[in-house]
N, C-alpha and C. Protein backbone atom coordinates (compact mmCIF):
# COMPACT_ATOMS: atom_id res chain seq x y z
N MET A 1 110.85 99.95 84.60
CA MET A 1 111.17 100.73 85.78
C MET A 1 109.88 101.34 86.33
N THR A 2 109.82 101.46 87.63
CA THR A 2 108.68 102.14 88.24
C THR A 2 108.85 103.64 88.09
N ASN A 3 107.78 104.38 88.30
CA ASN A 3 107.88 105.84 88.25
C ASN A 3 108.90 106.36 89.26
N GLU A 4 108.94 105.77 90.44
CA GLU A 4 109.89 106.20 91.46
C GLU A 4 111.32 105.97 91.01
N GLN A 5 111.57 104.81 90.38
CA GLN A 5 112.91 104.51 89.87
C GLN A 5 113.29 105.47 88.74
N ILE A 6 112.32 105.74 87.87
CA ILE A 6 112.56 106.68 86.78
C ILE A 6 112.92 108.05 87.33
N ASN A 7 112.14 108.53 88.28
CA ASN A 7 112.38 109.86 88.84
C ASN A 7 113.74 109.94 89.53
N ALA A 8 114.12 108.91 90.27
CA ALA A 8 115.43 108.91 90.94
C ALA A 8 116.56 108.89 89.92
N ALA A 9 116.43 108.08 88.86
CA ALA A 9 117.47 107.99 87.84
C ALA A 9 117.62 109.32 87.10
N ILE A 10 116.51 109.96 86.77
CA ILE A 10 116.60 111.25 86.07
C ILE A 10 117.18 112.31 87.00
N ALA A 11 116.79 112.30 88.26
CA ALA A 11 117.35 113.25 89.22
C ALA A 11 118.87 113.15 89.25
N GLU A 12 119.36 111.94 89.38
CA GLU A 12 120.81 111.74 89.44
C GLU A 12 121.48 112.14 88.13
N ALA A 13 120.83 111.82 87.00
CA ALA A 13 121.38 112.19 85.69
C ALA A 13 121.45 113.71 85.51
N CYS A 14 120.54 114.42 86.19
CA CYS A 14 120.50 115.88 86.09
C CYS A 14 121.29 116.57 87.20
N GLY A 15 122.04 115.78 87.96
CA GLY A 15 122.93 116.37 88.95
C GLY A 15 122.36 116.49 90.35
N TRP A 16 121.19 115.93 90.61
CA TRP A 16 120.64 115.95 91.96
C TRP A 16 121.34 114.87 92.78
N SER A 17 121.42 115.07 94.07
CA SER A 17 121.96 114.05 94.96
C SER A 17 121.19 114.07 96.27
N MET A 18 121.17 112.93 96.94
CA MET A 18 120.48 112.83 98.23
C MET A 18 121.50 113.09 99.33
N GLU A 19 121.22 114.07 100.16
CA GLU A 19 122.09 114.41 101.28
C GLU A 19 121.24 114.62 102.52
N ASP A 20 121.48 113.80 103.53
CA ASP A 20 120.75 113.89 104.80
C ASP A 20 119.24 113.87 104.60
N GLY A 21 118.76 113.01 103.70
CA GLY A 21 117.33 112.86 103.48
C GLY A 21 116.68 113.94 102.64
N VAL A 22 117.49 114.80 102.03
CA VAL A 22 116.98 115.90 101.21
C VAL A 22 117.65 115.84 99.85
N TRP A 23 116.89 116.07 98.80
CA TRP A 23 117.47 116.14 97.45
C TRP A 23 118.11 117.51 97.25
N VAL A 24 119.31 117.53 96.73
CA VAL A 24 120.08 118.76 96.57
C VAL A 24 120.54 118.87 95.11
N TRP A 25 120.48 120.07 94.55
CA TRP A 25 121.05 120.36 93.25
C TRP A 25 121.44 121.82 93.21
N THR A 26 122.24 122.19 92.22
CA THR A 26 122.69 123.57 92.10
C THR A 26 122.12 124.17 90.82
N ALA A 27 121.53 125.34 90.94
CA ALA A 27 120.98 126.06 89.79
C ALA A 27 121.51 127.48 89.82
N ASP A 28 122.15 127.87 88.74
CA ASP A 28 122.71 129.22 88.63
C ASP A 28 123.61 129.56 89.83
N GLY A 29 124.40 128.57 90.27
CA GLY A 29 125.33 128.80 91.36
C GLY A 29 124.70 128.81 92.74
N ILE A 30 123.43 128.51 92.83
CA ILE A 30 122.73 128.51 94.11
C ILE A 30 122.35 127.07 94.46
N ASP A 31 122.71 126.63 95.67
CA ASP A 31 122.31 125.30 96.11
C ASP A 31 120.84 125.31 96.47
N CYS A 32 120.11 124.34 95.93
CA CYS A 32 118.67 124.21 96.16
C CYS A 32 118.40 122.88 96.84
N THR A 33 117.37 122.84 97.65
CA THR A 33 116.99 121.59 98.31
C THR A 33 115.49 121.37 98.15
N TYR A 34 115.12 120.10 98.18
CA TYR A 34 113.72 119.74 98.06
C TYR A 34 113.54 118.38 98.70
N TYR A 35 112.46 118.17 99.39
CA TYR A 35 112.23 116.90 100.08
C TYR A 35 111.68 115.82 99.16
N GLU A 36 111.08 116.21 98.05
CA GLU A 36 110.52 115.26 97.10
C GLU A 36 111.13 115.49 95.73
N LEU A 37 111.17 114.45 94.93
CA LEU A 37 111.65 114.58 93.57
C LEU A 37 110.56 115.15 92.67
N TRP A 38 110.98 115.79 91.61
CA TRP A 38 110.03 116.17 90.59
C TRP A 38 109.47 114.89 90.00
N ASP A 39 108.33 114.96 89.36
CA ASP A 39 107.70 113.77 88.80
C ASP A 39 107.93 113.71 87.29
N TRP A 40 109.18 113.44 86.92
CA TRP A 40 109.53 113.40 85.50
C TRP A 40 108.71 112.36 84.75
N ALA A 41 108.34 111.27 85.39
CA ALA A 41 107.60 110.20 84.72
C ALA A 41 106.19 110.62 84.31
N ASN A 42 105.67 111.68 84.91
CA ASN A 42 104.29 112.09 84.62
C ASN A 42 104.14 113.56 84.24
N ASP A 43 105.19 114.33 84.31
CA ASP A 43 105.09 115.78 84.13
C ASP A 43 105.88 116.23 82.90
N LEU A 44 105.17 116.64 81.86
CA LEU A 44 105.84 117.08 80.63
C LEU A 44 106.74 118.29 80.86
N ASN A 45 106.35 119.18 81.75
CA ASN A 45 107.19 120.35 82.04
C ASN A 45 108.51 119.93 82.68
N ALA A 46 108.46 118.97 83.58
CA ALA A 46 109.68 118.47 84.22
C ALA A 46 110.57 117.80 83.17
N MET A 47 109.96 117.02 82.26
CA MET A 47 110.75 116.36 81.22
C MET A 47 111.36 117.38 80.27
N HIS A 48 110.64 118.45 80.00
CA HIS A 48 111.18 119.51 79.15
C HIS A 48 112.48 120.05 79.76
N GLU A 49 112.48 120.26 81.06
CA GLU A 49 113.69 120.74 81.73
C GLU A 49 114.81 119.69 81.67
N ALA A 50 114.47 118.43 81.89
CA ALA A 50 115.48 117.37 81.85
C ALA A 50 116.11 117.26 80.47
N GLU A 51 115.29 117.37 79.44
CA GLU A 51 115.78 117.24 78.07
C GLU A 51 116.82 118.30 77.74
N LYS A 52 116.79 119.41 78.41
CA LYS A 52 117.78 120.47 78.18
C LYS A 52 119.19 120.02 78.56
N ALA A 53 119.30 118.95 79.36
CA ALA A 53 120.61 118.44 79.78
C ALA A 53 121.27 117.60 78.70
N LEU A 54 120.51 117.21 77.66
CA LEU A 54 121.06 116.38 76.60
C LEU A 54 121.92 117.21 75.65
N THR A 55 122.99 116.59 75.17
CA THR A 55 123.82 117.23 74.16
C THR A 55 123.10 117.14 72.82
N ASP A 56 123.60 117.85 71.81
CA ASP A 56 122.99 117.79 70.48
C ASP A 56 123.00 116.35 69.95
N ALA A 57 124.10 115.66 70.12
CA ALA A 57 124.20 114.27 69.65
C ALA A 57 123.21 113.38 70.39
N GLN A 58 123.06 113.57 71.69
CA GLN A 58 122.11 112.78 72.46
C GLN A 58 120.68 113.08 72.03
N CYS A 59 120.40 114.32 71.65
CA CYS A 59 119.05 114.68 71.18
C CYS A 59 118.67 113.92 69.92
N VAL A 60 119.64 113.67 69.05
CA VAL A 60 119.37 112.90 67.85
C VAL A 60 118.91 111.50 68.23
N PHE A 61 119.63 110.85 69.14
CA PHE A 61 119.25 109.51 69.59
C PHE A 61 117.92 109.53 70.33
N PHE A 62 117.69 110.59 71.11
CA PHE A 62 116.44 110.75 71.85
C PHE A 62 115.26 110.77 70.89
N ARG A 63 115.33 111.61 69.87
CA ARG A 63 114.25 111.70 68.88
C ARG A 63 114.07 110.39 68.12
N THR A 64 115.19 109.77 67.75
CA THR A 64 115.13 108.50 67.03
C THR A 64 114.45 107.43 67.88
N TYR A 65 114.81 107.35 69.14
CA TYR A 65 114.19 106.36 70.02
C TYR A 65 112.69 106.64 70.15
N LEU A 66 112.32 107.89 70.34
CA LEU A 66 110.89 108.21 70.47
C LEU A 66 110.12 107.83 69.22
N ARG A 67 110.68 108.09 68.05
CA ARG A 67 110.01 107.72 66.80
C ARG A 67 109.77 106.21 66.75
N GLU A 68 110.78 105.45 67.13
CA GLU A 68 110.65 103.99 67.14
C GLU A 68 109.62 103.55 68.18
N GLN A 69 109.63 104.18 69.32
CA GLN A 69 108.73 103.82 70.41
C GLN A 69 107.28 104.12 70.06
N LEU A 70 107.04 105.20 69.33
CA LEU A 70 105.68 105.60 69.00
C LEU A 70 105.07 104.75 67.89
N GLY A 71 105.90 103.99 67.19
CA GLY A 71 105.39 103.04 66.21
C GLY A 71 105.22 103.60 64.81
N PRO A 72 104.83 102.71 63.90
CA PRO A 72 104.74 103.08 62.48
C PRO A 72 103.40 103.71 62.09
N HIS A 73 103.09 104.81 62.69
CA HIS A 73 101.89 105.53 62.31
C HIS A 73 102.25 107.00 62.18
N PRO A 74 101.42 107.80 61.54
CA PRO A 74 101.77 109.20 61.29
C PRO A 74 102.18 109.98 62.53
N ALA A 75 101.61 109.67 63.69
CA ALA A 75 101.96 110.42 64.90
C ALA A 75 103.41 110.21 65.29
N SER A 76 104.03 109.09 64.84
CA SER A 76 105.42 108.83 65.22
C SER A 76 106.36 109.87 64.63
N LEU A 77 105.92 110.57 63.59
CA LEU A 77 106.74 111.63 63.03
C LEU A 77 106.78 112.85 63.94
N TYR A 78 105.79 112.93 64.82
CA TYR A 78 105.66 114.09 65.68
C TYR A 78 105.96 113.69 67.11
N VAL A 79 107.24 113.69 67.45
CA VAL A 79 107.63 113.19 68.76
C VAL A 79 107.08 114.05 69.90
N TRP A 80 106.58 115.23 69.59
CA TRP A 80 106.01 116.05 70.66
C TRP A 80 104.72 115.44 71.20
N HIS A 81 104.19 114.41 70.55
CA HIS A 81 103.01 113.71 71.06
C HIS A 81 103.38 112.71 72.15
N ALA A 82 104.65 112.47 72.36
CA ALA A 82 105.09 111.48 73.35
C ALA A 82 104.69 111.93 74.76
N THR A 83 104.30 110.96 75.56
CA THR A 83 103.94 111.25 76.95
C THR A 83 105.20 111.52 77.76
N ALA A 84 105.02 112.02 78.95
CA ALA A 84 106.16 112.26 79.85
C ALA A 84 106.89 110.96 80.12
N ARG A 85 106.15 109.88 80.34
CA ARG A 85 106.79 108.59 80.63
C ARG A 85 107.59 108.09 79.42
N GLU A 86 107.04 108.23 78.21
CA GLU A 86 107.78 107.82 77.01
C GLU A 86 109.05 108.65 76.86
N ARG A 87 108.95 109.93 77.14
CA ARG A 87 110.12 110.80 77.06
C ARG A 87 111.15 110.42 78.13
N ALA A 88 110.66 110.10 79.32
CA ALA A 88 111.56 109.72 80.41
C ALA A 88 112.32 108.45 80.05
N GLU A 89 111.62 107.48 79.48
CA GLU A 89 112.29 106.24 79.08
C GLU A 89 113.34 106.52 78.02
N ALA A 90 112.98 107.30 77.01
CA ALA A 90 113.93 107.64 75.94
C ALA A 90 115.15 108.37 76.53
N PHE A 91 114.90 109.29 77.42
CA PHE A 91 115.98 110.05 78.07
C PHE A 91 116.95 109.11 78.77
N LEU A 92 116.41 108.19 79.57
CA LEU A 92 117.26 107.27 80.32
C LEU A 92 117.95 106.26 79.40
N ARG A 93 117.29 105.85 78.34
CA ARG A 93 117.94 104.93 77.40
C ARG A 93 119.12 105.60 76.72
N VAL A 94 118.95 106.85 76.32
CA VAL A 94 120.04 107.60 75.68
C VAL A 94 121.24 107.68 76.61
N LEU A 95 120.99 107.85 77.89
CA LEU A 95 122.07 107.97 78.87
C LEU A 95 122.57 106.62 79.38
N GLY A 96 121.96 105.54 78.92
CA GLY A 96 122.37 104.21 79.35
C GLY A 96 121.95 103.90 80.78
N LYS A 97 120.90 104.55 81.26
CA LYS A 97 120.47 104.37 82.64
C LYS A 97 119.11 103.67 82.77
N TRP A 98 118.54 103.23 81.65
CA TRP A 98 117.27 102.52 81.70
C TRP A 98 117.51 101.10 82.18
N GLU A 99 116.68 100.61 83.07
CA GLU A 99 116.78 99.24 83.57
C GLU A 99 115.48 98.51 83.27
N GLU A 100 115.61 97.38 82.59
CA GLU A 100 114.43 96.54 82.32
C GLU A 100 113.98 95.91 83.63
N VAL A 101 112.67 95.82 83.80
CA VAL A 101 112.10 95.22 85.01
C VAL A 101 111.40 93.92 84.61
N ALA A 102 111.76 92.85 85.28
CA ALA A 102 111.11 91.56 85.01
C ALA A 102 109.67 91.61 85.49
N GLU A 103 108.78 91.08 84.69
CA GLU A 103 107.36 91.11 85.07
C GLU A 103 106.91 89.79 85.62
């Protein structure tokens, strides 16, 4: 998936929707709008917020996927070393929203 596809998929998974050319979501009962998506594919802070949407059971799969993705080296035990893009992929895979792109 491209970064743009990743960002759109995470936005939708987190409850954002496109209305009249503007991204809309609700936070603490307040409707918010923004013309651009957050950059979940490159921003660890944005991914930290997205990860909060996962249930406890989904977090287990998220961590497991990251460990597998990071490979068989000592750093794989420490999933906090994962990049924003690695986290974004794991997040979307857990939710069944990852799409393989033919190269």
